[in-house]
Amino acid sequence: MVAAPAGATTLREAFVQTYNNSPDLNAARAQLRGIDEGVPIAKAASRLGVTGVVGITQSTTGLSRLDNGSRVATGQVNLSYPLFQGGRVRNGINAAEARVVAGRAGLRTVEGNTFAAAVSAYMDVIRDQAIVDQRKKNVDVLNTNLRASRDRFEVGDLTRTDVAQSEARLSLAKSQLATAQGNLTASRENYRRVIGAWPATLEPPPPLPPLPKTSDEAVDIALEESPAIQSAIATTQASQYDVRAARAARLPTFSAIGGSSYNDYLGTRARQIGLPSNTPGIDQTQGQNNYGVSLSIPHYQRGMVGSRVRQAQAVESQALEQSIGTERLVVSNVRSAFAIYQAAGAAIAGNQQAVSANELALEGVRAENTVGTRTVLNVLDAEQELLNAQVALVTAQRDQYVAGFALLNAMGRAQADDLSLDGGALYDPVANYSRVRNRFGDWSDSPRYSSPSTRTTGATPDDPDVKPYTPPDPAPVTSPRN
């Protein structure tokens, strides 16, 4: 892959754009912030509860005689503080904490997958751009061949068949160029979808960090560091706490309670107790305070608790099986990526030799064609074989780099903190958790959200690579000699 001109976009810059602008990443961060709120929600069940009631009532002696009845304005405050709830609060908090751990690992998984998609999109554009350039060169060469064939036909050196073969190959090359241009446009649009910007000119990617020598070594790293496995383990732990919390519903609950009430009869107290309304000395207000403890002992709850425990146990079993499935998937992804990486490396070596050999063969076939020992068709075949080898080489280079990064991702080493991004501070998933974990106010909303993700609804920039290609006028044909 040839070097890009100065000012071209680098892979690291593409990573920075993806990290800051990806709606998938920003959605995963928002999801984690929602998971963080599970901790203060669980803690709320252990805190003092305060409720207030105010009201006014009017009694009547008839349908329309409001003035004959009594009135009362009521104010009441009730307090309740749980002292023992059977362990449901403690296990609920532990489950919420475990889900936070799982959510952070899930965010790292989304980061790795997003960066892997960015690498694939980046390399697809580079590959398809190289193929378009090669196809254009092939059209130029075949156009020159056709002119030479027509000139030699005019002097009787070639037959009409030779000219027809040159025309057919040129038409086929133009068709292949159009297909390559379409693939390049699709790759650029996918790049814009993943990274959020139109790819102008891309630099060749930097070398990958050192990779494990064997697939077994890569699997061992993945089992230790893969965020997908870590998330599955934490989710299983959370489900175990959920089972314990469900069982706690079978146990008694013990609470301290208290309250205060105040009634104002608004001058109607005498009528309420059956005295004339103008009876003097009647107190129009009444207050009362109360406090104590409350013990609630469940005896029979219609089978609901047993059903909820069994339901939580089923979810725990599901989480355990899913963790095993995740482990299998990670191992499979690691071994597959390692195999593709190794195979692509061997393909690169083979295709490089094929390109060198085909270049030499083409030079020889062209020389032999000038002395009549090779036909025009032989020259066209040699040119096509060289082009096929060049395309295969570019494709293998792309496949090896993408597979290498996929291997890093499967091992858990393709997140933002592994890539040394230089586009500003990284998103800190702990900051929001630290801010909200002990909040207890009912009016502490988050500020209104404004999406940092970029939109791609604007017009697509002009792309000269997808316009109909007109080969330049060839230089005068000179016949090479042996």
Protein backbone atom coordinates (compact mmCIF):
# COMPACT_ATOMS: atom_id res chain seq x y z
CA MET A 1 0.00 0.00 0.00
CA VAL A 2 1.52 3.26 -1.15
CA ALA A 3 2.16 6.19 1.17
CA ALA A 4 -0.48 8.92 1.35
CA PRO A 5 0.34 12.61 0.78
CA ALA A 6 0.99 15.00 3.65
CA GLY A 7 -2.15 16.15 5.44
CA ALA A 8 -3.93 12.83 5.01
CA THR A 9 -6.03 11.35 7.80
CA THR A 10 -4.22 8.88 10.02
CA LEU A 11 -5.77 5.84 11.67
CA ARG A 12 -5.25 7.40 15.09
CA GLU A 13 -7.16 10.51 13.98
CA ALA A 14 -9.93 8.25 12.74
CA PHE A 15 -9.96 6.57 16.16
CA VAL A 16 -10.28 9.94 17.88
CA GLN A 17 -13.19 10.92 15.61
CA THR A 18 -14.88 7.60 16.29
CA TYR A 19 -14.34 7.83 20.04
CA ASN A 20 -15.85 11.31 20.26
CA ASN A 21 -18.59 11.07 17.65
CA SER A 22 -19.85 7.47 17.60
CA PRO A 23 -23.56 7.21 18.53
CA ASP A 24 -23.01 3.57 19.52
CA LEU A 25 -20.34 4.56 22.04
CA ASN A 26 -22.34 7.51 23.34
CA ALA A 27 -25.42 5.30 23.70
CA ALA A 28 -23.37 2.73 25.65
CA ARG A 29 -22.11 5.48 27.95
CA ALA A 30 -25.67 6.68 28.57
CA GLN A 31 -26.72 3.09 29.26
CA LEU A 32 -23.95 2.76 31.85
CA ARG A 33 -25.07 5.99 33.52
CA GLY A 34 -28.52 4.43 33.82
CA ILE A 35 -27.01 1.29 35.34
CA ASP A 36 -25.12 3.46 37.85
CA GLU A 37 -28.45 4.74 39.16
CA GLY A 38 -29.33 1.21 40.27
CA VAL A 39 -27.03 1.64 43.27
CA PRO A 40 -28.76 4.70 44.83
CA ILE A 41 -32.11 3.10 43.97
CA ALA A 42 -31.13 0.00 45.95
CA LYS A 43 -29.76 2.10 48.81
CA ALA A 44 -32.99 4.09 49.01
CA ALA A 45 -34.74 1.08 50.54
CA SER A 46 -32.52 1.43 53.64
CA ARG A 47 -33.14 5.12 54.27
CA LEU A 48 -35.60 7.08 56.35
CA GLY A 49 -38.87 7.69 54.55
CA VAL A 50 -40.93 10.81 55.16
CA THR A 51 -44.44 11.43 53.85
CA GLY A 52 -46.78 14.33 54.43
CA VAL A 53 -50.55 14.55 54.05
CA VAL A 54 -52.68 17.70 53.98
CA GLY A 55 -56.37 17.95 53.35
CA ILE A 56 -59.67 19.62 54.21
CA THR A 57 -63.02 17.92 54.65
CA GLN A 58 -66.57 19.26 54.97
CA SER A 59 -69.48 17.33 56.43
CA THR A 60 -73.13 18.34 55.85
CA THR A 61 -76.49 17.68 57.43
CA GLY A 62 -78.19 17.82 54.07
CA LEU A 63 -77.50 18.02 50.38
CA SER A 64 -77.14 21.81 50.32
CA ARG A 65 -76.59 22.96 53.93
CA LEU A 66 -72.78 23.23 54.06
CA ASP A 67 -72.98 25.73 56.88
CA ASN A 68 -74.61 23.20 59.23
CA GLY A 69 -71.78 20.63 59.00
CA SER A 70 -68.33 20.53 60.49
CA ARG A 71 -65.07 21.30 58.69
CA VAL A 72 -61.57 20.14 59.45
CA ALA A 73 -58.16 20.94 57.94
CA THR A 74 -55.66 18.14 58.46
CA GLY A 75 -51.89 18.05 58.38
CA GLN A 76 -49.89 14.88 59.01
CA VAL A 77 -46.23 13.79 58.80
CA ASN A 78 -45.23 10.12 58.94
CA LEU A 79 -41.74 8.73 59.32
CA SER A 80 -40.53 5.19 58.80
CA TYR A 81 -37.02 3.82 59.20
CA PRO A 82 -36.27 0.18 58.30
CA LEU A 83 -34.20 -1.63 60.91
CA PHE A 84 -34.24 -5.16 59.46
CA GLN A 85 -35.51 -6.36 56.08
CA GLY A 86 -34.18 -9.86 55.91
CA GLY A 87 -31.12 -9.00 53.84
CA ARG A 88 -32.99 -7.83 50.73
CA VAL A 89 -31.44 -4.35 50.89
CA ARG A 90 -27.88 -5.58 51.32
CA ASN A 91 -28.26 -8.10 48.50
CA GLY A 92 -30.04 -5.57 46.33
CA ILE A 93 -27.12 -3.15 46.72
CA ASN A 94 -24.61 -5.90 45.98
CA ALA A 95 -26.54 -6.87 42.86
CA ALA A 96 -26.60 -3.25 41.70
CA GLU A 97 -22.86 -2.91 42.32
CA ALA A 98 -22.21 -6.09 40.32
CA ARG A 99 -24.29 -4.76 37.44
CA VAL A 100 -22.21 -1.57 37.46
CA VAL A 101 -19.10 -3.72 37.06
CA ALA A 102 -20.80 -5.62 34.25
CA GLY A 103 -21.86 -2.35 32.62
CA ARG A 104 -18.32 -0.98 32.66
CA ALA A 105 -17.04 -4.16 31.06
CA GLY A 106 -19.87 -3.91 28.54
CA LEU A 107 -18.81 -0.38 27.68
CA ARG A 108 -15.26 -1.62 27.09
CA THR A 109 -16.69 -4.32 24.81
CA VAL A 110 -18.57 -1.70 22.80
CA GLU A 111 -15.41 0.40 22.59
CA GLY A 112 -13.39 -2.50 21.23
CA ASN A 113 -16.07 -3.50 18.73
CA THR A 114 -16.45 0.11 17.57
CA PHE A 115 -12.72 0.52 17.05
CA ALA A 116 -12.60 -2.82 15.22
CA ALA A 117 -15.38 -1.59 12.92
CA ALA A 118 -13.41 1.64 12.40
CA VAL A 119 -10.28 -0.31 11.43
CA SER A 120 -12.28 -2.44 9.00
CA ALA A 121 -13.89 0.64 7.43
CA TYR A 122 -10.53 2.44 7.25
CA MET A 123 -8.77 -0.50 5.61
CA ASP A 124 -11.67 -1.12 3.21
CA VAL A 125 -11.30 2.40 1.85
CA ILE A 126 -7.53 2.00 1.44
CA ARG A 127 -7.97 -1.37 -0.26
CA ASP A 128 -10.72 -0.24 -2.61
CA GLN A 129 -8.84 2.97 -3.46
CA ALA A 130 -5.77 0.89 -4.38
CA ILE A 131 -7.91 -1.44 -6.49
CA VAL A 132 -9.50 1.49 -8.32
CA ASP A 133 -6.04 2.92 -9.04
CA GLN A 134 -4.88 -0.45 -10.35
CA ARG A 135 -7.99 -0.83 -12.48
CA LYS A 136 -7.42 2.62 -13.95
CA LYS A 137 -3.84 1.75 -14.81
CA ASN A 138 -5.05 -1.47 -16.37
CA VAL A 139 -7.53 0.46 -18.53
CA ASP A 140 -4.72 2.78 -19.61
CA VAL A 141 -2.48 -0.16 -20.52
CA LEU A 142 -5.23 -1.96 -22.43
CA ASN A 143 -6.17 1.22 -24.22
CA THR A 144 -2.54 1.55 -25.34
CA ASN A 145 -2.52 -2.12 -26.37
CA LEU A 146 -5.66 -1.63 -28.43
CA ARG A 147 -4.17 1.33 -30.29
CA ALA A 148 -1.03 -0.67 -30.96
CA SER A 149 -3.07 -3.65 -32.15
CA ARG A 150 -5.05 -1.46 -34.53
CA ASP A 151 -1.86 0.08 -35.91
CA ARG A 152 -0.32 -3.34 -36.49
CA PHE A 153 -3.58 -4.56 -38.05
CA GLU A 154 -3.43 -1.68 -40.50
CA VAL A 155 0.00 -2.80 -41.70
CA GLY A 156 -1.03 -6.47 -41.79
CA ASP A 157 1.06 -7.55 -38.80
CA LEU A 158 -2.02 -8.70 -36.80
CA THR A 159 -5.42 -10.16 -37.64
CA ARG A 160 -8.84 -8.83 -36.90
CA THR A 161 -9.11 -11.47 -34.17
CA ASP A 162 -6.20 -9.93 -32.31
CA VAL A 163 -7.87 -6.52 -32.43
CA ALA A 164 -11.16 -8.01 -31.22
CA GLN A 165 -9.39 -9.65 -28.29
CA SER A 166 -7.85 -6.31 -27.31
CA GLU A 167 -11.23 -4.60 -27.57
CA ALA A 168 -12.87 -7.29 -25.44
CA ARG A 169 -10.25 -7.01 -22.71
CA LEU A 170 -10.54 -3.22 -22.65
CA SER A 171 -14.33 -3.42 -22.32
CA LEU A 172 -13.98 -5.97 -19.53
CA ALA A 173 -11.44 -3.77 -17.76
CA LYS A 174 -13.80 -0.78 -17.92
CA SER A 175 -16.56 -2.94 -16.43
CA GLN A 176 -14.28 -4.08 -13.62
CA LEU A 177 -13.25 -0.47 -13.02
CA ALA A 178 -16.89 0.57 -12.67
CA THR A 179 -17.46 -2.23 -10.16
CA ALA A 180 -14.37 -1.20 -8.21
CA GLN A 181 -15.57 2.42 -8.16
CA GLY A 182 -18.92 1.29 -6.77
CA ASN A 183 -17.18 -0.75 -4.08
CA LEU A 184 -15.06 2.27 -3.16
CA THR A 185 -18.13 4.47 -2.79
CA ALA A 186 -19.79 1.85 -0.58
CA SER A 187 -16.66 1.61 1.57
CA ARG A 188 -16.46 5.39 1.92
CA GLU A 189 -20.09 5.60 2.95
CA ASN A 190 -19.53 2.85 5.52
CA TYR A 191 -16.49 4.79 6.76
CA ARG A 192 -18.64 7.88 7.19
CA ARG A 193 -21.27 5.83 9.04
CA VAL A 194 -18.76 4.32 11.48
CA ILE A 195 -16.36 7.25 11.96
CA GLY A 196 -18.68 10.17 11.28
CA ALA A 197 -16.66 11.98 8.60
CA TRP A 198 -16.05 11.61 4.90
CA PRO A 199 -12.70 9.93 4.09
CA ALA A 200 -10.66 12.26 1.95
CA THR A 201 -7.17 10.76 1.82
CA LEU A 202 -6.06 8.10 4.28
CA GLU A 203 -2.53 7.33 5.36
CA PRO A 204 -1.35 3.73 5.54
CA PRO A 205 -1.97 2.37 9.04
CA PRO A 206 0.82 2.09 11.60
CA PRO A 207 2.20 -1.34 12.49
CA LEU A 208 0.15 -3.39 14.91
CA PRO A 209 1.56 -3.99 18.40
CA PRO A 210 3.25 -7.34 18.95
CA LEU A 211 0.78 -10.21 18.81
CA PRO A 212 0.96 -13.58 20.57
CA LYS A 213 3.04 -16.26 18.88
CA THR A 214 0.42 -18.99 19.28
CA SER A 215 -3.35 -19.16 19.44
CA ASP A 216 -3.16 -20.82 22.88
CA GLU A 217 -1.26 -17.82 24.23
CA ALA A 218 -3.88 -15.49 22.74
CA VAL A 219 -6.69 -17.52 24.33
CA ASP A 220 -5.04 -17.35 27.75
CA ILE A 221 -4.84 -13.55 27.47
CA ALA A 222 -8.46 -13.32 26.36
CA LEU A 223 -9.72 -15.46 29.24
CA GLU A 224 -7.95 -13.09 31.62
CA GLU A 225 -8.63 -9.70 30.00
CA SER A 226 -11.68 -9.97 27.72
CA PRO A 227 -14.30 -7.42 28.86
CA ALA A 228 -17.06 -9.61 27.41
CA ILE A 229 -16.11 -12.43 29.79
CA GLN A 230 -15.74 -10.00 32.70
CA SER A 231 -19.20 -8.60 32.00
CA ALA A 232 -20.72 -12.10 31.90
CA ILE A 233 -19.08 -13.03 35.22
CA ALA A 234 -20.36 -9.86 36.92
CA THR A 235 -23.85 -10.40 35.52
CA THR A 236 -23.87 -13.92 36.96
CA GLN A 237 -22.85 -12.56 40.36
CA ALA A 238 -25.65 -9.99 40.22
CA SER A 239 -28.19 -12.72 39.51
CA GLN A 240 -26.95 -14.68 42.55
CA TYR A 241 -27.57 -11.65 44.75
CA ASP A 242 -31.03 -11.33 43.21
CA VAL A 243 -31.85 -14.86 44.39
CA ARG A 244 -30.84 -13.96 47.94
CA ALA A 245 -32.88 -10.76 47.82
CA ALA A 246 -35.93 -12.71 46.64
CA ARG A 247 -35.56 -15.21 49.50
CA ALA A 248 -35.47 -12.32 51.99
CA ALA A 249 -39.17 -11.70 51.34
CA ARG A 250 -39.86 -14.79 53.50
CA LEU A 251 -38.34 -13.13 56.57
CA PRO A 252 -39.86 -10.59 58.98
CA THR A 253 -39.28 -6.87 58.59
CA PHE A 254 -38.71 -4.58 61.54
CA SER A 255 -39.09 -0.80 61.34
CA ALA A 256 -39.15 2.25 63.58
CA ILE A 257 -42.12 4.50 62.90
CA GLY A 258 -43.24 7.92 64.03
CA GLY A 259 -45.48 10.76 63.07
CA SER A 260 -47.30 13.92 63.95
CA SER A 261 -50.79 15.09 63.05
CA TYR A 262 -52.60 18.41 63.44
CA ASN A 263 -56.32 19.13 62.94
CA ASP A 264 -57.96 22.56 62.76
CA TYR A 265 -61.76 22.40 62.86
CA LEU A 266 -62.14 25.94 61.53
CA GLY A 267 -64.69 26.96 64.17
CA THR A 268 -66.92 23.89 63.75
CA ARG A 269 -65.61 21.74 66.62
CA ALA A 270 -68.75 22.25 68.71
CA ARG A 271 -71.03 21.01 65.95
CA GLN A 272 -68.79 17.98 65.47
CA ILE A 273 -69.23 16.86 69.08
CA GLY A 274 -72.99 17.63 69.08
CA LEU A 275 -72.99 21.01 70.85
CA PRO A 276 -74.38 24.30 69.62
CA SER A 277 -71.98 26.13 67.38
CA ASN A 278 -71.78 29.11 69.72
CA THR A 279 -70.73 27.06 72.76
CA PRO A 280 -67.81 28.90 74.37
CA GLY A 281 -64.50 27.31 75.45
CA ILE A 282 -64.26 24.70 72.74
CA ASP A 283 -60.72 24.14 71.49
CA GLN A 284 -60.72 24.29 67.68
CA THR A 285 -57.37 22.59 67.17
CA GLN A 286 -56.03 19.17 68.01
CA GLY A 287 -52.50 17.74 67.70
CA GLN A 288 -51.03 14.33 68.26
CA ASN A 289 -47.57 12.74 68.14
CA ASN A 290 -46.86 9.04 67.91
CA TYR A 291 -43.83 6.82 67.69
CA GLY A 292 -42.98 3.16 68.06
CA VAL A 293 -41.78 0.07 66.25
CA SER A 294 -43.43 -2.20 63.75
CA LEU A 295 -42.76 -5.89 63.16
CA SER A 296 -44.23 -7.50 60.08
CA ILE A 297 -44.13 -11.31 59.96
CA PRO A 298 -45.19 -12.92 56.70
CA HIS A 299 -47.13 -16.14 57.20
CA TYR A 300 -48.56 -16.85 53.79
CA GLN A 301 -48.12 -14.71 50.66
CA ARG A 302 -50.19 -16.76 48.21
CA GLY A 303 -47.12 -18.46 46.73
CA MET A 304 -45.73 -15.23 45.28
CA VAL A 305 -42.41 -15.37 47.13
CA GLY A 306 -41.66 -18.93 46.08
CA SER A 307 -42.44 -18.06 42.50
CA ARG A 308 -40.14 -15.02 42.58
CA VAL A 309 -37.32 -17.07 44.08
CA ARG A 310 -37.68 -19.71 41.37
CA GLN A 311 -37.82 -16.96 38.76
CA ALA A 312 -34.59 -15.43 40.10
CA GLN A 313 -32.97 -18.88 40.12
CA ALA A 314 -33.96 -19.37 36.48
CA VAL A 315 -32.40 -16.01 35.61
CA GLU A 316 -29.26 -17.06 37.50
CA SER A 317 -29.12 -20.28 35.46
CA GLN A 318 -29.59 -18.28 32.28
CA ALA A 319 -26.74 -15.93 33.23
CA LEU A 320 -24.46 -18.86 33.99
CA GLU A 321 -25.17 -20.49 30.63
CA GLN A 322 -24.71 -17.17 28.85
CA SER A 323 -21.33 -16.70 30.54
CA ILE A 324 -20.25 -20.09 29.21
CA GLY A 325 -21.54 -19.13 25.77
CA THR A 326 -19.66 -15.84 25.94
CA GLU A 327 -16.48 -17.68 26.87
CA ARG A 328 -16.95 -20.02 23.91
CA LEU A 329 -17.54 -17.09 21.59
CA VAL A 330 -14.44 -15.27 22.79
CA VAL A 331 -12.27 -18.37 22.37
CA SER A 332 -13.70 -18.91 18.89
CA ASN A 333 -13.14 -15.29 17.91
CA VAL A 334 -9.55 -15.39 19.17
CA ARG A 335 -8.65 -18.59 17.34
CA SER A 336 -10.44 -17.49 14.16
CA ALA A 337 -8.75 -14.08 14.11
CA PHE A 338 -5.38 -15.68 14.78
CA ALA A 339 -5.87 -18.17 11.94
CA ILE A 340 -6.99 -15.44 9.51
CA TYR A 341 -4.04 -13.28 10.52
CA GLN A 342 -1.59 -16.13 9.93
CA ALA A 343 -3.22 -17.10 6.63
CA ALA A 344 -3.24 -13.50 5.41
CA GLY A 345 0.46 -13.20 6.24
CA ALA A 346 1.21 -16.27 4.15
CA ALA A 347 -1.02 -14.89 1.37
CA ILE A 348 0.89 -11.60 1.41
CA ALA A 349 4.20 -13.40 0.97
CA GLY A 350 2.80 -15.54 -1.83
CA ASN A 351 1.14 -12.64 -3.61
CA GLN A 352 4.29 -10.52 -3.40
CA GLN A 353 6.19 -13.30 -5.15
CA ALA A 354 3.35 -13.64 -7.65
CA VAL A 355 3.45 -9.92 -8.45
CA SER A 356 7.22 -10.00 -8.99
CA ALA A 357 7.00 -13.11 -11.14
CA ASN A 358 4.08 -11.78 -13.18
CA GLU A 359 5.90 -8.48 -13.79
CA LEU A 360 8.85 -10.41 -15.14
CA ALA A 361 6.61 -12.72 -17.16
CA LEU A 362 4.70 -9.80 -18.67
CA GLU A 363 7.90 -8.11 -19.73
CA GLY A 364 9.05 -11.33 -21.41
CA VAL A 365 5.71 -12.01 -23.12
CA ARG A 366 5.62 -8.49 -24.54
CA ALA A 367 9.16 -8.88 -25.89
CA GLU A 368 8.33 -12.28 -27.40
CA ASN A 369 5.18 -10.86 -28.93
CA THR A 370 7.22 -8.34 -30.89
CA VAL A 371 9.17 -11.15 -32.59
CA GLY A 372 6.08 -13.24 -33.26
CA THR A 373 6.57 -16.07 -30.75
CA ARG A 374 3.69 -14.89 -28.54
CA THR A 375 0.20 -13.78 -29.50
CA VAL A 376 -1.71 -10.72 -28.41
CA LEU A 377 -3.87 -13.00 -26.29
CA ASN A 378 -0.77 -14.16 -24.41
CA VAL A 379 0.07 -10.54 -23.63
CA LEU A 380 -3.47 -9.83 -22.45
CA ASP A 381 -3.45 -12.92 -20.25
CA ALA A 382 -0.13 -11.92 -18.69
CA GLU A 383 -1.44 -8.43 -17.96
CA GLN A 384 -4.57 -9.86 -16.37
CA GLU A 385 -2.58 -12.27 -14.21
CA LEU A 386 -0.41 -9.42 -12.97
CA LEU A 387 -3.48 -7.34 -12.15
CA ASN A 388 -5.09 -10.25 -10.31
CA ALA A 389 -1.95 -10.73 -8.24
CA GLN A 390 -1.82 -7.03 -7.38
CA VAL A 391 -5.47 -7.02 -6.31
CA ALA A 392 -4.94 -10.17 -4.26
CA LEU A 393 -1.92 -8.60 -2.56
CA VAL A 394 -3.84 -5.48 -1.56
CA THR A 395 -6.73 -7.61 -0.31
CA ALA A 396 -4.42 -9.83 1.74
CA GLN A 397 -2.77 -6.77 3.31
CA ARG A 398 -6.16 -5.46 4.32
CA ASP A 399 -7.28 -8.86 5.67
CA GLN A 400 -4.14 -9.31 7.75
CA TYR A 401 -4.39 -5.89 9.41
CA VAL A 402 -8.11 -6.23 10.13
CA ALA A 403 -7.62 -9.76 11.50
CA GLY A 404 -4.72 -8.58 13.67
CA PHE A 405 -6.83 -5.82 15.20
CA ALA A 406 -9.74 -8.25 15.60
CA LEU A 407 -7.36 -10.50 17.54
CA LEU A 408 -6.44 -7.58 19.80
CA ASN A 409 -10.12 -6.84 20.31
CA ALA A 410 -10.96 -10.44 21.12
CA MET A 411 -8.16 -10.49 23.69
CA GLY A 412 -9.49 -7.30 25.31
CA ARG A 413 -6.68 -5.04 24.17
CA ALA A 414 -8.43 -2.74 21.71
CA GLN A 415 -10.10 -0.23 24.03
CA ALA A 416 -9.44 3.49 24.21
CA ASP A 417 -6.85 3.23 26.98
CA ASP A 418 -4.91 0.69 24.89
CA LEU A 419 -4.73 2.92 21.80
CA SER A 420 -3.03 5.98 23.31
CA LEU A 421 -5.53 8.38 21.76
CA ASP A 422 -4.49 12.04 21.77
CA GLY A 423 -7.84 13.72 21.14
CA GLY A 424 -8.43 14.90 24.70
CA ALA A 425 -9.41 13.27 27.98
CA LEU A 426 -10.95 9.83 27.81
CA TYR A 427 -14.46 9.18 29.08
CA ASP A 428 -14.30 8.17 32.74
CA PRO A 429 -17.06 5.65 33.56
CA VAL A 430 -16.29 5.91 37.29
CA ALA A 431 -16.89 9.67 37.51
CA ASN A 432 -20.66 9.46 37.10
CA TYR A 433 -20.87 6.52 39.49
CA SER A 434 -18.93 8.40 42.16
CA ARG A 435 -21.20 11.39 41.69
CA VAL A 436 -24.52 9.54 42.06
CA ARG A 437 -23.87 6.48 44.25
CA ASN A 438 -24.72 8.26 47.54
CA ARG A 439 -27.23 10.81 46.31
CA PHE A 440 -30.44 10.89 48.31
CA GLY A 441 -32.27 13.97 47.05
CA ASP A 442 -35.51 13.62 45.12
CA TRP A 443 -34.87 16.73 42.99
CA SER A 444 -31.34 16.13 41.69
CA ASP A 445 -32.02 15.64 37.98
CA SER A 446 -29.30 15.41 35.36
CA PRO A 447 -28.90 18.33 32.97
CA ARG A 448 -30.66 18.10 29.62
CA TYR A 449 -28.72 15.84 27.28
CA SER A 450 -27.20 17.18 24.07
CA SER A 451 -25.80 14.53 21.74
CA PRO A 452 -22.12 14.91 20.79
CA SER A 453 -22.51 12.46 17.89
CA THR A 454 -22.14 13.91 14.42
CA ARG A 455 -24.84 13.51 11.79
CA THR A 456 -24.14 12.47 8.20
CA THR A 457 -27.29 13.76 6.53
CA GLY A 458 -25.47 16.40 4.50
CA ALA A 459 -24.63 16.08 0.85
CA THR A 460 -21.90 13.64 -0.10
CA PRO A 461 -18.71 15.38 -1.26
CA ASP A 462 -17.85 15.09 -4.93
CA ASP A 463 -15.93 11.88 -5.47
CA PRO A 464 -13.75 11.94 -8.58
CA ASP A 465 -13.02 8.24 -8.22
CA VAL A 466 -16.57 7.22 -9.15
CA LYS A 467 -17.00 9.32 -12.28
CA PRO A 468 -16.79 7.62 -15.70
CA TYR A 469 -13.12 7.18 -16.42
CA THR A 470 -11.68 8.35 -19.73
CA PRO A 471 -8.19 7.00 -20.37
CA PRO A 472 -5.61 9.63 -21.29
CA ASP A 473 -4.19 9.64 -24.79
CA PRO A 474 -1.35 7.14 -24.85
CA ALA A 475 2.17 8.01 -25.77
CA PRO A 476 3.34 7.01 -29.27
CA VAL A 477 3.76 3.26 -29.47
CA THR A 478 7.29 1.96 -29.82
CA SER A 479 7.91 -1.72 -30.31
CA PRO A 480 10.31 -3.18 -27.70
CA ARG A 481 13.08 -5.43 -28.89
CA ASN A 482 14.65 -8.50 -27.30
